Amino acid sequence: MTMDIGVTQSITELQQAEQNFKYAAPEFVAIAIMQLLAARMKVDILLRLKKQSGATPIDP
C-alpha cells in the first residue's frame, strides 16, 4: 500500500468516525469519541510520516 492510499483510507475512516459520533446514541458517545480520536491520530501520524519522507503534493 502506498502512503497516499493509506492517507486516503485513513481520512475516509476519520470521516466515518465523525459520522458515527454525530449519530451515536447516548450510551455509545464515549466509544464514538475514542474511535474519533484514534482515527484523527492515525491521519496525523500518516501525514507526518509522509512529510518526513519528503513527499510533495505533486508526487503521484
Protein backbone atom coordinates (compact mmCIF):
# COMPACT_ATOMS: atom_id res chain seq x y z
CA MET A 1 0.00 0.00 0.00
CA THR A 2 1.40 3.37 -0.94
CA MET A 3 1.48 6.22 1.52
CA ASP A 4 -1.15 8.16 -0.48
CA ILE A 5 -3.60 5.26 -0.42
CA GLY A 6 -3.04 4.84 3.32
CA VAL A 7 -3.68 8.54 3.94
CA THR A 8 -6.79 8.49 1.76
CA GLN A 9 -8.17 5.43 3.53
CA SER A 10 -7.40 6.94 6.92
CA ILE A 11 -9.21 10.15 6.00
CA THR A 12 -12.21 8.07 4.94
CA GLU A 13 -12.07 6.25 8.30
CA LEU A 14 -11.91 9.62 10.07
CA GLN A 15 -14.96 10.85 8.19
CA GLN A 16 -16.82 7.68 9.16
CA ALA A 17 -15.80 8.12 12.80
CA GLU A 18 -17.09 11.70 12.69
CA GLN A 19 -20.39 10.45 11.27
CA ASN A 20 -20.61 7.73 13.93
CA PHE A 21 -20.04 10.31 16.66
CA LYS A 22 -22.64 12.65 15.20
CA TYR A 23 -25.34 9.97 15.33
CA ALA A 24 -24.20 7.98 18.37
CA ALA A 25 -26.80 7.02 20.91
CA PRO A 26 -26.01 8.49 24.35
CA GLU A 27 -24.71 5.19 25.69
CA PHE A 28 -22.21 4.96 22.80
CA VAL A 29 -20.86 8.51 22.83
CA ALA A 30 -17.73 7.59 24.83
CA ILE A 31 -16.87 4.82 22.35
CA ALA A 32 -17.51 7.13 19.40
CA ILE A 33 -15.18 9.73 20.92
CA MET A 34 -12.40 7.16 21.35
CA GLN A 35 -12.82 5.97 17.76
CA LEU A 36 -12.79 9.56 16.54
CA LEU A 37 -9.62 10.37 18.45
CA ALA A 38 -7.90 7.20 17.21
CA ALA A 39 -8.85 7.93 13.60
CA ARG A 40 -7.62 11.52 13.91
CA MET A 41 -4.33 10.36 15.42
CA LYS A 42 -3.84 7.87 12.59
CA VAL A 43 -4.33 10.56 9.96
CA ASP A 44 -1.95 12.90 11.79
CA ILE A 45 0.73 10.21 12.06
CA LEU A 46 0.47 9.19 8.41
CA LEU A 47 0.61 12.80 7.24
CA ARG A 48 3.65 13.41 9.46
CA LEU A 49 5.37 10.30 8.05
CA LYS A 50 4.58 11.38 4.52
CA LYS A 51 6.04 14.82 5.19
CA GLN A 52 9.18 13.28 6.72
CA SER A 53 9.66 11.03 3.71
CA GLY A 54 9.99 14.12 1.55
CA ALA A 55 6.86 13.55 -0.47
CA THR A 56 5.44 16.65 -2.06
CA PRO A 57 1.85 17.44 -3.02
CA ILE A 58 2.71 16.86 -6.70
CA ASP A 59 4.04 13.34 -6.14
CA PRO A 60 1.82 10.67 -7.75
